[in-house]
């Protein structure tokens, strides 16, 4: 039976990424050694890092004056690394979920934090609007996609202060105007690579302006100066990222990924709206995530939630159980998920409806 991977992260990767990485674990670049055991200082792995960085910049059209670095610690470490590097006195945060809340908490260790708006009042099921960002803020932080609640910012905000974004779960799913941002960061384990590597796109002239001393490993300049090679990078995850970036380019880049995600989301949201058993958790269509589609049972069928998870899993739908703070179901439709998997889930939903 074919398995359809809807896990929220770590999550589905292109088959090309999995196969190429597996081959490199056995024999990396014809060296006769495993990717797991070669020196990151060798010319073979340096070539991997160079190509990964170059493709990352090419696919996102990263302008001059920005650098891409690959780090450890996940997006969670970036929650403190960002303010460590660029928060002098005040930062503004848009609170749209658990990860935005955690980022905001870390920033408070470094200066004043203004929460410009929050959707916590309705369990983060919408994106706040009509808020004001303080003109004297050192930066404004957003979380573009919310994996737990199923909301997403689909456009780059227009603000008058430096912009910072956590794009862990929707990077490479749409074109981005990088020039509007000072820092974009994210964990790779949702749309890019195996867990273990974190990316950061950093505007160089945003750095070096804070008054505090920054520990060596938490200073973006350390990693920019050494081309992400100051210390041993997560080699396997970086290699996996390179394979995904090659796949992305061959598929048509972020423009094609955007086209595909809209098709997949339209198919699934349409079925959620049509099917008598289910309803979406995000009612405002403009705020709905393309990456993490969340839905629940209609109230009169609430007792069927566990049965549907078991039924869908028995049909090969993996990872559709919703996050514990929301309940219900979550279908994560990242770039590597084929439309056939969404169609298979829709067929299962229709079959379950007919059963009841």
Protein backbone atom coordinates (compact mmCIF):
# COMPACT_ATOMS: atom_id res chain seq x y z
CA UNK A 1 0.00 0.00 0.00
CA UNK A 2 1.33 3.43 -0.94
CA UNK A 3 1.97 5.74 1.99
CA UNK A 4 1.11 9.44 1.74
CA UNK A 5 3.24 11.60 4.06
CA UNK A 6 1.33 14.50 5.64
CA UNK A 7 3.61 14.91 8.66
CA UNK A 8 4.22 18.53 9.72
CA UNK A 9 7.95 18.16 10.30
CA UNK A 10 10.24 16.41 9.89
CA UNK A 11 8.27 15.88 6.76
CA UNK A 12 8.18 14.69 3.18
CA UNK A 13 11.24 15.25 0.99
CA UNK A 14 11.65 14.72 -2.75
CA UNK A 15 12.53 11.12 -3.57
CA UNK A 16 15.57 12.47 -5.40
CA UNK A 17 16.80 14.00 -2.14
CA UNK A 18 16.36 10.77 -0.21
CA UNK A 19 18.01 8.57 -2.83
CA UNK A 20 20.96 10.87 -3.50
CA UNK A 21 21.63 11.35 0.21
CA UNK A 22 21.41 7.62 0.85
CA UNK A 23 23.92 6.98 -1.94
CA UNK A 24 26.26 9.62 -0.52
CA UNK A 25 26.09 8.01 2.90
CA UNK A 26 27.55 4.91 1.25
CA UNK A 27 29.94 6.60 -1.17
CA UNK A 28 30.32 10.37 -1.19
CA UNK A 29 31.43 12.06 -4.43
CA UNK A 30 33.32 8.98 -5.58
CA UNK A 31 35.68 9.11 -2.60
CA UNK A 32 34.87 5.61 -1.42
CA UNK A 33 34.05 7.14 1.96
CA UNK A 34 30.71 7.87 3.55
CA UNK A 35 29.30 11.37 3.76
CA UNK A 36 29.06 10.59 7.47
CA UNK A 37 32.82 10.34 7.84
CA UNK A 38 34.48 12.78 5.45
CA UNK A 39 36.12 16.02 6.52
CA UNK A 40 34.04 19.15 6.00
CA UNK A 41 37.34 20.82 5.11
CA UNK A 42 37.86 18.56 2.11
CA UNK A 43 37.35 19.94 -1.39
CA UNK A 44 34.46 17.55 -2.02
CA UNK A 45 32.33 18.90 0.83
CA UNK A 46 33.42 22.49 0.21
CA UNK A 47 31.93 22.07 -3.26
CA UNK A 48 28.64 20.97 -1.64
CA UNK A 49 28.53 24.03 0.60
CA UNK A 50 29.40 26.38 -2.26
CA UNK A 51 26.72 24.99 -4.57
CA UNK A 52 24.10 24.90 -1.81
CA UNK A 53 24.71 28.56 -1.00
CA UNK A 54 24.72 29.58 -4.66
CA UNK A 55 21.50 27.69 -5.49
CA UNK A 56 19.78 29.08 -2.39
CA UNK A 57 20.57 32.60 -3.55
CA UNK A 58 19.61 31.88 -7.15
CA UNK A 59 16.23 30.31 -6.41
CA UNK A 60 15.18 33.11 -4.05
CA UNK A 61 16.82 35.86 -6.11
CA UNK A 62 18.83 37.05 -3.10
CA UNK A 63 20.21 40.53 -3.91
CA UNK A 64 23.72 41.84 -3.33
CA UNK A 65 24.43 42.82 0.26
CA UNK A 66 22.88 39.65 1.70
CA UNK A 67 24.54 36.41 2.73
CA UNK A 68 23.12 32.94 3.32
CA UNK A 69 24.51 30.92 6.21
CA UNK A 70 23.81 27.40 7.43
CA UNK A 71 23.77 26.93 11.18
CA UNK A 72 22.77 24.56 13.96
CA UNK A 73 20.23 24.94 16.72
CA UNK A 74 17.05 25.13 14.67
CA UNK A 75 14.77 28.12 14.36
CA UNK A 76 14.47 28.04 18.14
CA UNK A 77 18.06 29.24 18.50
CA UNK A 78 17.32 32.01 16.02
CA UNK A 79 14.68 33.29 18.44
CA UNK A 80 17.55 34.58 20.58
CA UNK A 81 20.21 34.98 17.88
CA UNK A 82 18.15 37.60 16.03
CA UNK A 83 17.74 39.97 19.00
CA UNK A 84 21.28 39.27 20.17
CA UNK A 85 22.51 40.68 16.84
CA UNK A 86 20.06 43.49 16.00
CA UNK A 87 17.92 44.47 19.01
CA UNK A 88 19.32 47.62 20.60
CA UNK A 89 16.35 49.01 22.51
CA UNK A 90 12.97 47.97 21.12
CA UNK A 91 11.52 45.28 18.85
CA UNK A 92 8.00 44.72 17.54
CA UNK A 93 6.42 41.28 17.17
CA UNK A 94 3.26 40.01 15.51
CA UNK A 95 1.95 37.12 17.59
CA UNK A 96 0.27 34.52 15.38
CA UNK A 97 0.97 31.29 17.24
CA UNK A 98 3.18 29.15 19.44
CA UNK A 99 6.42 29.83 17.56
CA UNK A 100 5.82 33.58 17.38
CA UNK A 101 5.12 33.53 21.12
CA UNK A 102 8.36 31.70 21.81
CA UNK A 103 10.35 34.09 19.60
CA UNK A 104 8.85 37.07 21.41
CA UNK A 105 9.69 35.58 24.81
CA UNK A 106 13.38 35.24 23.88
CA UNK A 107 13.57 38.79 22.54
CA UNK A 108 12.44 40.16 25.91
CA UNK A 109 15.81 39.10 27.31
CA UNK A 110 17.51 41.74 25.15
CA UNK A 111 15.26 44.79 25.22
CA UNK A 112 11.74 46.13 25.12
CA UNK A 113 9.29 44.08 23.06
CA UNK A 114 6.03 45.48 21.71
CA UNK A 115 3.38 42.98 20.68
CA UNK A 116 1.68 44.92 17.90
CA UNK A 117 -1.19 42.44 17.61
CA UNK A 118 -2.15 38.89 18.55
CA UNK A 119 -4.70 36.33 17.43
CA UNK A 120 -4.50 34.39 20.69
CA UNK A 121 -8.04 35.48 21.56
CA UNK A 122 -9.39 33.02 18.97
CA UNK A 123 -6.75 30.31 19.38
CA UNK A 124 -4.63 31.82 16.61
CA UNK A 125 -7.13 30.93 13.88
CA UNK A 126 -6.65 34.21 11.98
CA UNK A 127 -3.93 36.69 11.00
CA UNK A 128 -4.26 40.06 12.80
CA UNK A 129 -4.65 43.12 10.60
CA UNK A 130 -4.71 46.92 10.92
CA UNK A 131 -1.94 47.02 13.51
CA UNK A 132 0.68 49.73 13.92
CA UNK A 133 4.40 49.00 14.06
CA UNK A 134 6.31 51.52 16.21
CA UNK A 135 8.47 53.71 14.00
CA UNK A 136 11.34 53.53 16.51
CA UNK A 137 11.47 49.71 16.61
CA UNK A 138 14.81 48.16 15.72
CA UNK A 139 12.91 45.53 13.74
CA UNK A 140 9.49 43.95 13.21
CA UNK A 141 9.28 40.14 13.52
CA UNK A 142 6.72 37.91 11.79
CA UNK A 143 6.17 34.17 11.52
CA UNK A 144 4.96 33.68 7.98
CA UNK A 145 3.32 30.26 8.33
CA UNK A 146 1.84 28.66 11.41
CA UNK A 147 2.11 24.90 11.29
CA UNK A 148 -0.06 24.26 14.33
CA UNK A 149 -3.04 26.48 13.55
CA UNK A 150 -3.00 26.55 9.76
CA UNK A 151 -2.66 30.28 9.04
CA UNK A 152 -0.20 31.94 6.68
CA UNK A 153 0.95 35.36 5.56
CA UNK A 154 0.92 35.20 1.76
CA UNK A 155 2.60 38.54 1.04
CA UNK A 156 5.65 40.44 2.27
CA UNK A 157 4.46 43.14 4.69
CA UNK A 158 5.02 46.82 3.99
CA UNK A 159 6.63 48.37 7.07
CA UNK A 160 8.96 51.29 7.69
CA UNK A 161 11.34 49.43 10.01
CA UNK A 162 13.68 46.47 9.34
CA UNK A 163 11.71 43.25 8.83
CA UNK A 164 12.60 39.82 10.25
CA UNK A 165 10.78 36.60 9.39
CA UNK A 166 10.69 33.01 10.57
CA UNK A 167 9.97 31.14 7.31
CA UNK A 168 10.67 27.65 8.59
CA UNK A 169 7.62 26.05 7.00
CA UNK A 170 6.92 28.00 3.80
CA UNK A 171 10.35 28.92 2.46
CA UNK A 172 10.66 28.20 -1.29
CA UNK A 173 6.89 27.97 -1.67
CA UNK A 174 6.51 31.45 -3.19
CA UNK A 175 8.65 34.29 -4.55
CA UNK A 176 9.90 36.61 -1.80
CA UNK A 177 11.11 40.20 -2.06
CA UNK A 178 14.25 39.60 -0.01
CA UNK A 179 15.11 43.32 -0.12
CA UNK A 180 12.26 44.02 2.31
CA UNK A 181 13.90 41.91 5.02
CA UNK A 182 16.94 42.24 7.26
CA UNK A 183 16.90 38.58 8.34
CA UNK A 184 14.95 35.54 7.17
CA UNK A 185 15.56 32.29 9.01
CA UNK A 186 14.14 28.83 9.43
CA UNK A 187 14.65 25.22 10.32
CA UNK A 188 15.11 23.07 7.23
CA UNK A 189 13.06 20.05 8.26
CA UNK A 190 9.79 21.14 6.67
CA UNK A 191 10.43 22.24 3.12
CA UNK A 192 14.14 21.88 2.49
CA UNK A 193 16.21 19.16 4.13
CA UNK A 194 16.52 16.59 6.91
CA UNK A 195 16.46 18.00 10.41
CA UNK A 196 19.76 19.38 11.70
CA UNK A 197 20.49 22.47 9.64
CA UNK A 198 19.08 25.98 9.94
CA UNK A 199 19.29 28.64 7.25
CA UNK A 200 19.57 32.39 7.70
CA UNK A 201 19.49 35.05 5.00
CA UNK A 202 21.15 38.08 6.53
CA UNK A 203 21.48 41.66 5.31
CA UNK A 204 25.06 42.49 6.11
CA UNK A 205 24.60 46.18 6.88
CA UNK A 206 22.04 45.28 9.56
CA UNK A 207 24.85 43.82 11.66
CA UNK A 208 27.40 45.43 13.96
CA UNK A 209 25.06 48.08 15.35
CA UNK A 210 24.22 46.71 18.79
CA UNK A 211 26.11 47.86 21.85
CA UNK A 212 26.39 44.47 23.57
CA UNK A 213 29.12 41.91 23.13
CA UNK A 214 27.93 38.88 21.17
CA UNK A 215 29.27 35.36 21.83
CA UNK A 216 31.30 34.13 18.88
CA UNK A 217 28.94 31.34 17.86
CA UNK A 218 25.87 33.59 18.09
CA UNK A 219 27.31 36.37 15.94
CA UNK A 220 26.10 36.13 12.33
CA UNK A 221 29.35 37.76 11.20
CA UNK A 222 31.32 34.77 12.46
CA UNK A 223 29.50 32.44 10.08
CA UNK A 224 29.35 34.89 7.18
CA UNK A 225 33.10 35.45 7.37
CA UNK A 226 33.80 31.71 7.32
CA UNK A 227 31.19 30.70 4.74
CA UNK A 228 29.24 28.61 7.27
CA UNK A 229 32.45 26.72 8.03
CA UNK A 230 33.57 28.31 11.30
CA UNK A 231 32.83 24.99 12.98
CA UNK A 232 31.75 21.62 11.60
CA UNK A 233 28.41 22.12 9.84
CA UNK A 234 25.63 19.49 9.82
CA UNK A 235 27.06 17.90 6.68
CA UNK A 236 24.35 15.35 5.91
CA UNK A 237 21.54 17.89 6.27
CA UNK A 238 23.40 20.43 4.10
CA UNK A 239 23.93 17.76 1.45
CA UNK A 240 20.21 16.95 1.64
CA UNK A 241 19.39 20.63 1.20
CA UNK A 242 21.52 20.73 -1.94
CA UNK A 243 19.60 17.81 -3.43
CA UNK A 244 16.28 19.50 -2.70
CA UNK A 245 17.48 22.77 -4.22
CA UNK A 246 18.57 20.94 -7.36
CA UNK A 247 15.14 19.31 -7.50
CA UNK A 248 13.43 22.67 -7.01
CA UNK A 249 15.35 24.22 -9.87
CA UNK A 250 14.59 21.29 -12.17
CA UNK A 251 10.89 21.54 -11.30
CA UNK A 252 10.69 25.21 -12.27
CA UNK A 253 11.65 27.04 -9.08
CA UNK A 254 9.52 28.86 -6.55
CA UNK A 255 7.04 30.10 -9.15
CA UNK A 256 6.15 26.51 -10.01
CA UNK A 257 5.99 25.58 -6.32
CA UNK A 258 3.52 28.40 -5.79
CA UNK A 259 1.35 27.20 -8.66
CA UNK A 260 1.34 23.65 -7.32
CA UNK A 261 0.56 24.60 -3.73
CA UNK A 262 -2.50 26.57 -4.81
CA UNK A 263 -3.78 23.59 -6.79
CA UNK A 264 -3.27 21.22 -3.85
CA UNK A 265 -4.82 23.57 -1.33
CA UNK A 266 -7.85 24.27 -3.52
CA UNK A 267 -8.54 20.56 -3.89
CA UNK A 268 -8.37 19.86 -0.17
CA UNK A 269 -10.11 22.99 1.13
CA UNK A 270 -12.93 22.43 -1.38
CA UNK A 271 -13.50 18.94 -0.03
CA UNK A 272 -13.38 20.13 3.58
CA UNK A 273 -16.07 22.72 2.77
CA UNK A 274 -18.19 20.21 0.82
CA UNK A 275 -17.96 17.21 3.12
CA UNK A 276 -20.70 17.12 5.78
CA UNK A 277 -18.37 15.58 8.35
CA UNK A 278 -15.66 18.24 8.39
CA UNK A 279 -15.05 21.96 8.71
CA UNK A 280 -11.90 24.15 8.43
CA UNK A 281 -10.36 25.62 11.57
CA UNK A 282 -9.49 28.84 9.71
CA UNK A 283 -12.67 30.43 8.38
CA UNK A 284 -11.07 33.50 6.77
CA UNK A 285 -10.06 32.21 3.35
CA UNK A 286 -7.30 34.81 2.89
CA UNK A 287 -5.59 33.65 6.11
CA UNK A 288 -5.53 29.94 5.32
CA UNK A 289 -2.20 28.18 5.03
CA UNK A 290 -1.24 26.39 1.85
CA UNK A 291 1.40 24.42 3.75
CA UNK A 292 -0.57 23.12 6.75
CA UNK A 293 -4.25 22.57 6.12
CA UNK A 294 -6.10 22.15 9.42
CA UNK A 295 -9.65 20.90 9.85
CA UNK A 296 -11.88 19.28 12.46
CA UNK A 297 -15.08 17.29 12.65
CA UNK A 298 -18.33 19.21 12.56
CA UNK A 299 -19.80 19.33 16.05
CA UNK A 300 -22.47 16.70 15.41
CA UNK A 301 -19.79 14.23 14.31
CA UNK A 302 -17.16 15.06 16.93
CA UNK A 303 -17.17 11.51 18.30
CA UNK A 304 -15.83 10.25 14.97
CA UNK A 305 -12.47 12.06 15.25
CA UNK A 306 -10.45 9.10 16.52
CA UNK A 307 -12.16 6.74 14.09
CA UNK A 308 -11.29 8.95 11.13
CA UNK A 309 -7.62 9.14 12.10
CA UNK A 310 -7.50 5.36 12.35
CA UNK A 311 -9.45 4.92 9.10
CA UNK A 312 -7.27 7.36 7.16
CA UNK A 313 -4.07 5.83 8.54
CA UNK A 314 -5.25 2.37 7.50
CA UNK A 315 -5.58 3.78 3.97
CA UNK A 316 -1.97 5.04 3.96
CA UNK A 317 -2.57 8.65 5.08
CA UNK A 318 0.33 9.24 7.47
CA UNK A 319 0.61 12.06 9.99
CA UNK A 320 -2.82 13.65 9.61
CA UNK A 321 -3.62 13.90 13.31
CA UNK A 322 -3.83 17.55 14.35
CA UNK A 323 -1.60 19.18 16.93
CA UNK A 324 -2.72 18.53 20.50
CA UNK A 325 -3.52 22.22 21.09
CA UNK A 326 -5.99 22.27 18.19
CA UNK A 327 -7.15 18.69 17.79
CA UNK A 328 -8.75 17.43 14.63
CA UNK A 329 -6.59 16.90 11.59
CA UNK A 330 -3.67 18.50 9.78
CA UNK A 331 -2.56 17.75 6.25
CA UNK A 332 0.85 19.27 5.62
CA UNK A 333 1.21 19.92 1.90
CA UNK A 334 4.85 20.92 1.49
CA UNK A 335 6.57 21.30 -1.86
CA UNK A 336 7.56 17.65 -2.14
CA UNK A 337 4.02 16.36 -1.58
CA UNK A 338 2.51 15.35 -4.95
CA UNK A 339 -1.03 16.36 -5.85
CA UNK A 340 -1.85 12.64 -6.03
CA UNK A 341 -1.47 12.43 -2.25
CA UNK A 342 -4.01 15.21 -1.75
CA UNK A 343 -6.39 13.48 -4.15
CA UNK A 344 -5.92 10.24 -2.20
CA UNK A 345 -6.80 11.99 1.06
CA UNK A 346 -9.90 13.53 -0.52
CA UNK A 347 -10.98 10.06 -1.69
CA UNK A 348 -10.58 8.76 1.87
CA UNK A 349 -12.65 11.65 3.25
CA UNK A 350 -15.42 10.89 0.75
CA UNK A 351 -15.32 7.20 1.60
CA UNK A 352 -15.56 7.97 5.32
CA UNK A 353 -18.49 10.31 4.66
CA UNK A 354 -20.31 7.58 2.74
CA UNK A 355 -19.64 5.15 5.58
CA UNK A 356 -21.42 7.46 8.02
